[in-house]
Amino acid sequence: MLTCGVARGQAPSYSAASIVNAVGYGAGPFAPNSVVTIFGTNLCWDPGIFTASSTTALPTQLDAVSVYVDNHLAPLLMVSQGQINFLIPSDEIAGTAPMLVVRQGVAGPIINLTLVSAAPTLFPLTAGYVIAEDWNNANALITPDAPAHAGDTVVLFVAGLGAVQVAQGVYDIPALATSIVNPSNLTVLLNGTPVDPTLIKYAGLTPGCGGLYQVNLLLPSNAGTDPAIQISLGGQSSQPGLMLAVR
């Protein structure tokens, strides 16, 4: 019997290669509280997109679909027939964790995910630039047409920075800012050169957003024009090939 184009008894279908970082769609590894995307087929019954609606907590089920990581229900952000976005539970630790999708009691394949303490990923904008805001300009979006300048404090949006100093409930959307553990271990590189760590003013959760972190950086005088930017933490670096719009 078919319902909205999906066979009720047909199992969710996906593979290790179709499970990627939701930011930029790069392969793993993943960190606790990373945003992960599953691409596949038969992931839910109904057409359309089902998203989390609460402003305080994320659900463990959307349209009768759940994701399990290491035998624990994962927080869900979005479910559709071809895609699921979810968070790696924030209390997971580095190692191998089995993951599977269950749709109304019908399970998909078990895929082993590699988890690490941190897997930083910068949010891309367009044309090779990162998403960032200018704190000195009412948090205006930084673009090539509205660039930042040396001496500005820029807010970089990041995923995958892992554990924080004040533990959050696994399903809670953070209400307050809290720094990552060992923030002194985080490095921002401009054109491949680490910036003075005293210029990193904050690295931690962004209140009101599940799985989102931010790094507040005071741009040095030698930032240059449109420097290549990466973030490094826990032996992992964010994706190469992105720039920060600076003039």
C-alpha atoms as a PDB file:
ATOM      1  CA  MET A   1       0.000   0.000   0.000  1.00  0.00           C
ATOM      2  CA  LEU A   2       1.408   3.377  -0.986  1.00  0.00           C
ATOM      3  CA  THR A   3       0.981   6.555   1.016  1.00  0.00           C
ATOM      4  CA  CYS A   4       2.168   9.820  -0.538  1.00  0.00           C
ATOM      5  CA  GLY A   5       4.585   7.950  -2.766  1.00  0.00           C
ATOM      6  CA  VAL A   6       6.458   6.007  -0.072  1.00  0.00           C
ATOM      7  CA  ALA A   7       5.825   2.342   0.636  1.00  0.00           C
ATOM      8  CA  ARG A   8       5.005   1.979   4.325  1.00  0.00           C
ATOM      9  CA  GLY A   9       7.012  -1.204   4.684  1.00  0.00           C
ATOM     10  CA  GLN A  10      10.016  -0.060   2.676  1.00  0.00           C
ATOM     11  CA  ALA A  11      13.032   0.605   4.888  1.00  0.00           C
ATOM     12  CA  PRO A  12      14.852   3.940   4.967  1.00  0.00           C
ATOM     13  CA  SER A  13      17.784   3.780   2.557  1.00  0.00           C
ATOM     14  CA  TYR A  14      21.146   5.565   2.957  1.00  0.00           C
ATOM     15  CA  SER A  15      24.857   4.747   3.066  1.00  0.00           C
ATOM     16  CA  ALA A  16      28.024   5.852   4.831  1.00  0.00           C
ATOM     17  CA  ALA A  17      28.847   8.071   1.852  1.00  0.00           C
ATOM     18  CA  SER A  18      25.493   9.867   2.103  1.00  0.00           C
ATOM     19  CA  ILE A  19      26.011  10.943   5.734  1.00  0.00           C
ATOM     20  CA  VAL A  20      27.818  14.287   5.706  1.00  0.00           C
ATOM     21  CA  ASN A  21      28.437  17.470   7.625  1.00  0.00           C
ATOM     22  CA  ALA A  22      25.354  19.639   7.191  1.00  0.00           C
ATOM     23  CA  VAL A  23      27.608  22.672   6.781  1.00  0.00           C
ATOM     24  CA  GLY A  24      29.275  22.375   3.396  1.00  0.00           C
ATOM     25  CA  TYR A  25      28.361  18.680   2.987  1.00  0.00           C
ATOM     26  CA  GLY A  26      31.867  17.449   3.703  1.00  0.00           C
ATOM     27  CA  ALA A  27      32.581  13.957   4.986  1.00  0.00           C
ATOM     28  CA  GLY A  28      33.119  13.193   8.671  1.00  0.00           C
ATOM     29  CA  PRO A  29      34.449  12.769  11.263  1.00  0.00           C
ATOM     30  CA  PHE A  30      31.848  14.451  13.434  1.00  0.00           C
ATOM     31  CA  ALA A  31      31.981  16.000  16.894  1.00  0.00           C
ATOM     32  CA  PRO A  32      29.443  16.002  19.705  1.00  0.00           C
ATOM     33  CA  ASN A  33      26.759  18.594  18.878  1.00  0.00           C
ATOM     34  CA  SER A  34      27.745  18.609  15.182  1.00  0.00           C
ATOM     35  CA  VAL A  35      24.956  19.148  12.661  1.00  0.00           C
ATOM     36  CA  VAL A  36      24.821  16.108  10.381  1.00  0.00           C
ATOM     37  CA  THR A  37      22.843  15.461   7.195  1.00  0.00           C
ATOM     38  CA  ILE A  38      21.615  12.101   5.963  1.00  0.00           C
ATOM     39  CA  PHE A  39      20.727  11.925   2.276  1.00  0.00           C
ATOM     40  CA  GLY A  40      18.683   8.940   1.186  1.00  0.00           C
ATOM     41  CA  THR A  41      15.298   7.641   0.120  1.00  0.00           C
ATOM     42  CA  ASN A  42      12.193   6.562   2.022  1.00  0.00           C
ATOM     43  CA  LEU A  43      13.399   8.521   5.050  1.00  0.00           C
ATOM     44  CA  CYS A  44       9.856   9.569   5.954  1.00  0.00           C
ATOM     45  CA  TRP A  45       6.370   8.771   4.679  1.00  0.00           C
ATOM     46  CA  ASP A  46       4.925  12.122   3.854  1.00  0.00           C
ATOM     47  CA  PRO A  47       5.996  14.720   1.287  1.00  0.00           C
ATOM     48  CA  GLY A  48       7.104  18.101   2.489  1.00  0.00           C
ATOM     49  CA  ILE A  49       9.641  19.218   5.065  1.00  0.00           C
ATOM     50  CA  PHE A  50       9.118  18.728   8.790  1.00  0.00           C
ATOM     51  CA  THR A  51      11.148  20.989  11.074  1.00  0.00           C
ATOM     52  CA  ALA A  52      11.607  21.491  14.790  1.00  0.00           C
ATOM     53  CA  SER A  53       9.251  24.208  16.007  1.00  0.00           C
ATOM     54  CA  SER A  54      10.139  24.701  19.678  1.00  0.00           C
ATOM     55  CA  THR A  55      12.460  27.536  20.646  1.00  0.00           C
ATOM     56  CA  THR A  56      13.674  25.769  23.797  1.00  0.00           C
ATOM     57  CA  ALA A  57      14.190  22.101  22.911  1.00  0.00           C
ATOM     58  CA  LEU A  58      14.708  19.885  19.882  1.00  0.00           C
ATOM     59  CA  PRO A  59      12.475  16.865  19.222  1.00  0.00           C
ATOM     60  CA  THR A  60      13.507  13.230  18.994  1.00  0.00           C
ATOM     61  CA  GLN A  61      10.799  12.445  16.434  1.00  0.00           C
ATOM     62  CA  LEU A  62       9.432  14.243  13.382  1.00  0.00           C
ATOM     63  CA  ASP A  63       6.786  12.662  11.133  1.00  0.00           C
ATOM     64  CA  ALA A  64       7.289   9.326  12.936  1.00  0.00           C
ATOM     65  CA  VAL A  65      11.037   9.375  12.177  1.00  0.00           C
ATOM     66  CA  SER A  66      13.840   9.063  14.726  1.00  0.00           C
ATOM     67  CA  VAL A  67      17.623   8.850  14.475  1.00  0.00           C
ATOM     68  CA  TYR A  68      19.645   6.803  16.932  1.00  0.00           C
ATOM     69  CA  VAL A  69      23.319   7.471  17.647  1.00  0.00           C
ATOM     70  CA  ASP A  70      25.089   5.009  19.918  1.00  0.00           C
ATOM     71  CA  ASN A  71      21.632   3.659  20.892  1.00  0.00           C
ATOM     72  CA  HIS A  72      20.461   7.105  22.028  1.00  0.00           C
ATOM     73  CA  LEU A  73      17.820   9.262  20.372  1.00  0.00           C
ATOM     74  CA  ALA A  74      19.416  12.181  18.534  1.00  0.00           C
ATOM     75  CA  PRO A  75      17.985  15.725  18.440  1.00  0.00           C
ATOM     76  CA  LEU A  76      16.266  16.374  15.114  1.00  0.00           C
ATOM     77  CA  LEU A  77      16.274  19.588  13.082  1.00  0.00           C
ATOM     78  CA  MET A  78      14.572  18.560   9.845  1.00  0.00           C
ATOM     79  CA  VAL A  79      13.087  15.507   8.150  1.00  0.00           C
ATOM     80  CA  SER A  80      11.950  14.965   4.571  1.00  0.00           C
ATOM     81  CA  GLN A  81      11.660  11.970   2.274  1.00  0.00           C
ATOM     82  CA  GLY A  82      15.187  12.521   0.971  1.00  0.00           C
ATOM     83  CA  GLN A  83      17.039  14.264   3.801  1.00  0.00           C
ATOM     84  CA  ILE A  84      17.378  14.343   7.583  1.00  0.00           C
ATOM     85  CA  ASN A  85      19.310  16.945   9.574  1.00  0.00           C
ATOM     86  CA  PHE A  86      20.164  16.003  13.162  1.00  0.00           C
ATOM     87  CA  LEU A  87      22.665  16.711  15.926  1.00  0.00           C
ATOM     88  CA  ILE A  88      25.199  14.267  17.273  1.00  0.00           C
ATOM     89  CA  PRO A  89      24.143  14.105  20.955  1.00  0.00           C
ATOM     90  CA  SER A  90      26.298  16.503  22.930  1.00  0.00           C
ATOM     91  CA  ASP A  91      27.195  13.909  25.564  1.00  0.00           C
ATOM     92  CA  GLU A  92      28.854  11.546  23.073  1.00  0.00           C
ATOM     93  CA  ILE A  93      32.607  10.977  23.287  1.00  0.00           C
ATOM     94  CA  ALA A  94      35.281  10.317  20.684  1.00  0.00           C
ATOM     95  CA  GLY A  95      35.202   6.872  19.133  1.00  0.00           C
ATOM     96  CA  THR A  96      32.923   4.863  16.875  1.00  0.00           C
ATOM     97  CA  ALA A  97      29.167   5.252  17.245  1.00  0.00           C
ATOM     98  CA  PRO A  98      26.521   3.226  15.383  1.00  0.00           C
ATOM     99  CA  MET A  99      23.770   5.299  13.758  1.00  0.00           C
ATOM    100  CA  LEU A 100      20.468   4.294  12.215  1.00  0.00           C
ATOM    101  CA  VAL A 101      17.171   5.820  11.106  1.00  0.00           C
ATOM    102  CA  VAL A 102      13.884   4.349  12.318  1.00  0.00           C
ATOM    103  CA  ARG A 103      10.664   5.285  10.546  1.00  0.00           C
ATOM    104  CA  GLN A 104       7.555   4.068  12.401  1.00  0.00           C
ATOM    105  CA  GLY A 105       9.358   0.949  13.568  1.00  0.00           C
ATOM    106  CA  VAL A 106      11.074   0.233  10.242  1.00  0.00           C
ATOM    107  CA  ALA A 107      14.844   0.545  10.611  1.00  0.00           C
ATOM    108  CA  GLY A 108      17.406   1.516   8.030  1.00  0.00           C
ATOM    109  CA  PRO A 109      20.958   0.165   7.936  1.00  0.00           C
ATOM    110  CA  ILE A 110      23.349   0.653  10.827  1.00  0.00           C
ATOM    111  CA  ILE A 111      26.234   2.942   9.841  1.00  0.00           C
ATOM    112  CA  ASN A 112      29.254   3.414  12.082  1.00  0.00           C
ATOM    113  CA  LEU A 113      30.183   7.082  12.515  1.00  0.00           C
ATOM    114  CA  THR A 114      33.631   8.263  13.563  1.00  0.00           C
ATOM    115  CA  LEU A 115      33.378  10.817  16.364  1.00  0.00           C
ATOM    116  CA  VAL A 116      36.140  13.173  17.472  1.00  0.00           C
ATOM    117  CA  SER A 117      36.285  15.819  20.188  1.00  0.00           C
ATOM    118  CA  ALA A 118      36.032  18.668  17.668  1.00  0.00           C
ATOM    119  CA  ALA A 119      35.393  18.951  13.935  1.00  0.00           C
ATOM    120  CA  PRO A 120      35.264  22.683  13.163  1.00  0.00           C
ATOM    121  CA  THR A 121      33.423  23.761  10.036  1.00  0.00           C
ATOM    122  CA  LEU A 122      32.884  27.337   8.854  1.00  0.00           C
ATOM    123  CA  PHE A 123      29.575  28.314   7.297  1.00  0.00           C
ATOM    124  CA  PRO A 124      30.091  29.263   3.633  1.00  0.00           C
ATOM    125  CA  LEU A 125      28.321  32.280   2.143  1.00  0.00           C
ATOM    126  CA  THR A 126      28.857  32.639  -1.612  1.00  0.00           C
ATOM    127  CA  ALA A 127      31.819  32.886  -3.975  1.00  0.00           C
ATOM    128  CA  GLY A 128      34.212  31.370  -1.455  1.00  0.00           C
ATOM    129  CA  TYR A 129      33.451  33.676   1.486  1.00  0.00           C
ATOM    130  CA  VAL A 130      32.413  32.698   5.010  1.00  0.00           C
ATOM    131  CA  ILE A 131      29.302  33.808   6.826  1.00  0.00           C
ATOM    132  CA  ALA A 132      30.322  36.388   9.413  1.00  0.00           C
ATOM    133  CA  GLU A 133      28.897  39.477  11.073  1.00  0.00           C
ATOM    134  CA  ASP A 134      30.487  42.793  12.005  1.00  0.00           C
ATOM    135  CA  TRP A 135      29.964  43.330  15.724  1.00  0.00           C
ATOM    136  CA  ASN A 136      31.011  46.984  15.345  1.00  0.00           C
ATOM    137  CA  ASN A 137      28.297  47.570  12.754  1.00  0.00           C
ATOM    138  CA  ALA A 138      25.197  46.251  14.539  1.00  0.00           C
ATOM    139  CA  ASN A 139      26.091  42.679  13.542  1.00  0.00           C
ATOM    140  CA  ALA A 140      25.640  43.454   9.856  1.00  0.00           C
ATOM    141  CA  LEU A 141      26.445  40.613   7.476  1.00  0.00           C
ATOM    142  CA  ILE A 142      30.004  40.843   6.150  1.00  0.00           C
ATOM    143  CA  THR A 143      30.175  40.559   2.361  1.00  0.00           C
ATOM    144  CA  PRO A 144      32.575  41.694  -0.378  1.00  0.00           C
ATOM    145  CA  ASP A 145      30.299  44.730  -0.796  1.00  0.00           C
ATOM    146  CA  ALA A 146      30.186  45.360   2.957  1.00  0.00           C
ATOM    147  CA  PRO A 147      33.559  44.094   4.190  1.00  0.00           C
ATOM    148  CA  ALA A 148      35.100  44.162   7.634  1.00  0.00           C
ATOM    149  CA  HIS A 149      38.186  46.210   8.434  1.00  0.00           C
ATOM    150  CA  ALA A 150      41.248  45.755  10.610  1.00  0.00           C
ATOM    151  CA  GLY A 151      40.300  46.545  14.198  1.00  0.00           C
ATOM    152  CA  ASP A 152      36.714  45.327  13.784  1.00  0.00           C
ATOM    153  CA  THR A 153      35.371  42.483  15.887  1.00  0.00           C
ATOM    154  CA  VAL A 154      33.926  39.886  13.544  1.00  0.00           C
ATOM    155  CA  VAL A 155      31.574  37.084  14.549  1.00  0.00           C
ATOM    156  CA  LEU A 156      32.394  33.864  12.701  1.00  0.00           C
ATOM    157  CA  PHE A 157      29.703  31.179  12.644  1.00  0.00           C
ATOM    158  CA  VAL A 158      31.021  27.671  13.134  1.00  0.00           C
ATOM    159  CA  ALA A 159      29.777  24.120  13.655  1.00  0.00           C
ATOM    160  CA  GLY A 160      31.468  21.206  15.358  1.00  0.00           C
ATOM    161  CA  LEU A 161      33.363  22.828  18.224  1.00  0.00           C
ATOM    162  CA  GLY A 162      32.285  20.106  20.641  1.00  0.00           C
ATOM    163  CA  ALA A 163      31.888  20.241  24.405  1.00  0.00           C
ATOM    164  CA  VAL A 164      31.280  23.451  26.336  1.00  0.00           C
ATOM    165  CA  GLN A 165      32.173  24.554  29.848  1.00  0.00           C
ATOM    166  CA  VAL A 166      28.585  24.628  31.115  1.00  0.00           C
ATOM    167  CA  ALA A 167      26.964  21.381  30.011  1.00  0.00           C
ATOM    168  CA  GLN A 168      23.663  21.742  28.168  1.00  0.00           C
ATOM    169  CA  GLY A 169      20.806  19.267  28.084  1.00  0.00           C
ATOM    170  CA  VAL A 170      21.164  17.023  25.025  1.00  0.00           C
ATOM    171  CA  TYR A 171      17.877  18.288  23.570  1.00  0.00           C
ATOM    172  CA  ASP A 172      18.001  21.844  24.920  1.00  0.00           C
ATOM    173  CA  ILE A 173      18.458  24.829  22.638  1.00  0.00           C
ATOM    174  CA  PRO A 174      21.011  26.977  24.508  1.00  0.00           C
ATOM    175  CA  ALA A 175      19.552  30.066  26.107  1.00  0.00           C
ATOM    176  CA  LEU A 176      22.866  31.577  27.190  1.00  0.00           C
ATOM    177  CA  ALA A 177      26.365  31.862  25.775  1.00  0.00           C
ATOM    178  CA  THR A 178      28.891  29.397  27.164  1.00  0.00           C
ATOM    179  CA  SER A 179      32.485  28.903  26.061  1.00  0.00           C
ATOM    180  CA  ILE A 180      33.910  25.705  24.655  1.00  0.00           C
ATOM    181  CA  VAL A 181      36.151  23.658  26.913  1.00  0.00           C
ATOM    182  CA  ASN A 182      39.796  24.690  26.640  1.00  0.00           C
ATOM    183  CA  PRO A 183      39.161  27.726  24.406  1.00  0.00           C
ATOM    184  CA  SER A 184      42.884  28.461  24.430  1.00  0.00           C
ATOM    185  CA  ASN A 185      43.329  25.390  22.210  1.00  0.00           C
ATOM    186  CA  LEU A 186      41.323  26.974  19.392  1.00  0.00           C
ATOM    187  CA  THR A 187      43.328  28.648  16.651  1.00  0.00           C
ATOM    188  CA  VAL A 188      42.169  31.036  13.939  1.00  0.00           C
ATOM    189  CA  LEU A 189      44.413  31.149  10.881  1.00  0.00           C
ATOM    190  CA  LEU A 190      44.459  34.025   8.406  1.00  0.00           C
ATOM    191  CA  ASN A 191      46.340  33.174   5.219  1.00  0.00           C
ATOM    192  CA  GLY A 192      47.707  30.143   7.045  1.00  0.00           C
ATOM    193  CA  THR A 193      49.173  32.130   9.942  1.00  0.00           C
ATOM    194  CA  PRO A 194      47.708  31.778  13.457  1.00  0.00           C
ATOM    195  CA  VAL A 195      46.402  35.041  14.875  1.00  0.00           C
ATOM    196  CA  ASP A 196      47.410  36.223  18.330  1.00  0.00           C
ATOM    197  CA  PRO A 197      45.204  34.152  20.683  1.00  0.00           C
ATOM    198  CA  THR A 198      44.392  37.271  22.717  1.00  0.00           C
ATOM    199  CA  LEU A 199      42.416  38.487  19.686  1.00  0.00           C
ATOM    200  CA  ILE A 200      39.951  35.595  20.076  1.00  0.00           C
ATOM    201  CA  LYS A 201      37.404  37.153  22.401  1.00  0.00           C
ATOM    202  CA  TYR A 202      34.887  34.295  22.575  1.00  0.00           C
ATOM    203  CA  ALA A 203      34.473  30.782  21.237  1.00  0.00           C
ATOM    204  CA  GLY A 204      31.310  28.989  22.243  1.00  0.00           C
ATOM    205  CA  LEU A 205      27.625  28.381  21.725  1.00  0.00           C
ATOM    206  CA  THR A 206      25.342  30.841  19.974  1.00  0.00           C
ATOM    207  CA  PRO A 207      22.229  31.282  22.135  1.00  0.00           C
ATOM    208  CA  GLY A 208      18.943  30.325  20.535  1.00  0.00           C
ATOM    209  CA  CYS A 209      20.389  27.970  17.908  1.00  0.00           C
ATOM    210  CA  GLY A 210      20.883  24.224  18.219  1.00  0.00           C
ATOM    211  CA  GLY A 211      24.321  23.086  17.079  1.00  0.00           C
ATOM    212  CA  LEU A 212      25.598  26.582  16.258  1.00  0.00           C
ATOM    213  CA  TYR A 213      28.799  28.090  17.647  1.00  0.00           C
ATOM    214  CA  GLN A 214      30.502  31.410  17.118  1.00  0.00           C
ATOM    215  CA  VAL A 215      34.036  32.733  17.337  1.00  0.00           C
ATOM    216  CA  ASN A 216      34.394  36.454  18.040  1.00  0.00           C
ATOM    217  CA  LEU A 217      37.660  37.692  16.560  1.00  0.00           C
ATOM    218  CA  LEU A 218      39.291  41.111  16.752  1.00  0.00           C
ATOM    219  CA  LEU A 219      40.833  41.532  13.313  1.00  0.00           C
ATOM    220  CA  PRO A 220      44.557  42.284  13.476  1.00  0.00           C
ATOM    221  CA  SER A 221      46.120  45.203  11.664  1.00  0.00           C
ATOM    222  CA  ASN A 222      47.873  42.818   9.260  1.00  0.00           C
ATOM    223  CA  ALA A 223      44.712  40.921   8.255  1.00  0.00           C
ATOM    224  CA  GLY A 224      45.174  41.998   4.643  1.00  0.00           C
ATOM    225  CA  THR A 225      42.576  41.851   1.886  1.00  0.00           C
ATOM    226  CA  ASP A 226      40.161  38.913   1.832  1.00  0.00           C
ATOM    227  CA  PRO A 227      42.406  36.582   3.839  1.00  0.00           C
ATOM    228  CA  ALA A 228      41.917  32.844   3.640  1.00  0.00           C
ATOM    229  CA  ILE A 229      40.472  31.729   6.957  1.00  0.00           C
ATOM    230  CA  GLN A 230      40.443  28.459   8.856  1.00  0.00           C
ATOM    231  CA  ILE A 231      39.755  27.372  12.417  1.00  0.00           C
ATOM    232  CA  SER A 232      41.695  24.580  14.094  1.00  0.00           C
ATOM    233  CA  LEU A 233      40.737  22.689  17.249  1.00  0.00           C
ATOM    234  CA  GLY A 234      41.462  19.240  18.606  1.00  0.00           C
ATOM    235  CA  GLY A 235      43.723  18.310  15.720  1.00  0.00           C
ATOM    236  CA  GLN A 236      41.009  19.050  13.149  1.00  0.00           C
ATOM    237  CA  SER A 237      40.789  22.068  10.828  1.00  0.00           C
ATOM    238  CA  SER A 238      37.851  23.650   9.060  1.00  0.00           C
ATOM    239  CA  GLN A 239      37.503  23.299   5.318  1.00  0.00           C
ATOM    240  CA  PRO A 240      40.066  25.137   3.154  1.00  0.00           C
ATOM    241  CA  GLY A 241      39.323  27.557   0.339  1.00  0.00           C
ATOM    242  CA  LEU A 242      37.193  30.087   2.221  1.00  0.00           C
ATOM    243  CA  MET A 243      37.884  33.805   2.682  1.00  0.00           C
ATOM    244  CA  LEU A 244      36.758  36.527   5.065  1.00  0.00           C
ATOM    245  CA  ALA A 245      35.746  39.735   3.291  1.00  0.00           C
ATOM    246  CA  VAL A 246      38.207  42.355   4.594  1.00  0.00           C
ATOM    247  CA  ARG A 247      39.426  45.597   3.062  1.00  0.00           C
END
